[in-house]
């Protein structure tokens, strides 16, 4: 399953909020998925998602 960080670029949705929503959705899902990929544009987005995942 791939999760792109949609709307965090041109529409300027806050990256931290996008990370919170995406990670919460994955963690609370009851779907049997072997792998989830967060599709991120740059290192800054990666850093935000990494920090959220560490919580």
C-alpha atoms as a PDB file:
ATOM      1  CA  UNK A   1       0.000   0.000   0.000  1.00  0.00           C
ATOM      2  CA  UNK A   2       1.359   3.428  -0.871  1.00  0.00           C
ATOM      3  CA  UNK A   3       0.425   6.597   1.010  1.00  0.00           C
ATOM      4  CA  UNK A   4       1.394   9.780  -0.849  1.00  0.00           C
ATOM      5  CA  UNK A   5       1.604  13.009   1.130  1.00  0.00           C
ATOM      6  CA  UNK A   6      -1.018  14.638  -1.102  1.00  0.00           C
ATOM      7  CA  UNK A   7      -1.788  18.361  -0.729  1.00  0.00           C
ATOM      8  CA  UNK A   8       1.358  19.100   1.291  1.00  0.00           C
ATOM      9  CA  UNK A   9       3.004  20.793  -1.698  1.00  0.00           C
ATOM     10  CA  UNK A  10       0.997  23.159  -3.873  1.00  0.00           C
ATOM     11  CA  UNK A  11      -1.944  23.268  -1.463  1.00  0.00           C
ATOM     12  CA  UNK A  12       0.343  23.685   1.560  1.00  0.00           C
ATOM     13  CA  UNK A  13      -1.360  21.271   3.922  1.00  0.00           C
ATOM     14  CA  UNK A  14       0.897  21.133   7.000  1.00  0.00           C
ATOM     15  CA  UNK A  15       3.296  18.192   6.668  1.00  0.00           C
ATOM     16  CA  UNK A  16       3.079  17.304  10.357  1.00  0.00           C
ATOM     17  CA  UNK A  17      -0.706  17.076  10.153  1.00  0.00           C
ATOM     18  CA  UNK A  18      -0.516  14.953   6.999  1.00  0.00           C
ATOM     19  CA  UNK A  19       1.971  12.636   8.734  1.00  0.00           C
ATOM     20  CA  UNK A  20      -0.247  12.383  11.815  1.00  0.00           C
ATOM     21  CA  UNK A  21      -3.317  11.500   9.753  1.00  0.00           C
ATOM     22  CA  UNK A  22      -1.554   8.977   7.493  1.00  0.00           C
ATOM     23  CA  UNK A  23       0.308   7.197  10.291  1.00  0.00           C
ATOM     24  CA  UNK A  24      -2.762   7.068  12.519  1.00  0.00           C
ATOM     25  CA  UNK A  25      -4.829   5.620   9.664  1.00  0.00           C
ATOM     26  CA  UNK A  26      -2.244   2.908   9.038  1.00  0.00           C
ATOM     27  CA  UNK A  27      -1.827   2.055  12.716  1.00  0.00           C
ATOM     28  CA  UNK A  28      -5.596   1.862  13.321  1.00  0.00           C
ATOM     29  CA  UNK A  29      -6.389  -0.117  10.188  1.00  0.00           C
ATOM     30  CA  UNK A  30      -7.514  -3.691  10.545  1.00  0.00           C
ATOM     31  CA  UNK A  31      -6.374  -4.505   6.998  1.00  0.00           C
ATOM     32  CA  UNK A  32      -3.828  -7.282   6.591  1.00  0.00           C
ATOM     33  CA  UNK A  33      -1.186  -5.395   4.618  1.00  0.00           C
ATOM     34  CA  UNK A  34       2.392  -6.669   4.426  1.00  0.00           C
ATOM     35  CA  UNK A  35       4.026  -3.342   3.597  1.00  0.00           C
ATOM     36  CA  UNK A  36       3.108   0.338   3.678  1.00  0.00           C
ATOM     37  CA  UNK A  37       5.149   2.986   1.888  1.00  0.00           C
ATOM     38  CA  UNK A  38       4.824   6.662   2.624  1.00  0.00           C
ATOM     39  CA  UNK A  39       5.542   8.425  -0.672  1.00  0.00           C
ATOM     40  CA  UNK A  40       7.363  11.647   0.182  1.00  0.00           C
ATOM     41  CA  UNK A  41       8.808  14.424  -1.946  1.00  0.00           C
ATOM     42  CA  UNK A  42      11.976  15.321  -0.085  1.00  0.00           C
ATOM     43  CA  UNK A  43      14.195  14.835   2.960  1.00  0.00           C
ATOM     44  CA  UNK A  44      12.225  17.412   4.968  1.00  0.00           C
ATOM     45  CA  UNK A  45       9.027  15.386   4.520  1.00  0.00           C
ATOM     46  CA  UNK A  46      10.919  12.222   5.399  1.00  0.00           C
ATOM     47  CA  UNK A  47      12.155  13.836   8.614  1.00  0.00           C
ATOM     48  CA  UNK A  48       8.615  14.825   9.646  1.00  0.00           C
ATOM     49  CA  UNK A  49       7.226  11.349   8.959  1.00  0.00           C
ATOM     50  CA  UNK A  50      10.192   9.698  10.703  1.00  0.00           C
ATOM     51  CA  UNK A  51       9.646  11.823  13.803  1.00  0.00           C
ATOM     52  CA  UNK A  52       5.949  10.931  13.829  1.00  0.00           C
ATOM     53  CA  UNK A  53       6.688   7.230  13.408  1.00  0.00           C
ATOM     54  CA  UNK A  54       9.044   7.314  16.366  1.00  0.00           C
ATOM     55  CA  UNK A  55       6.268   8.493  18.704  1.00  0.00           C
END
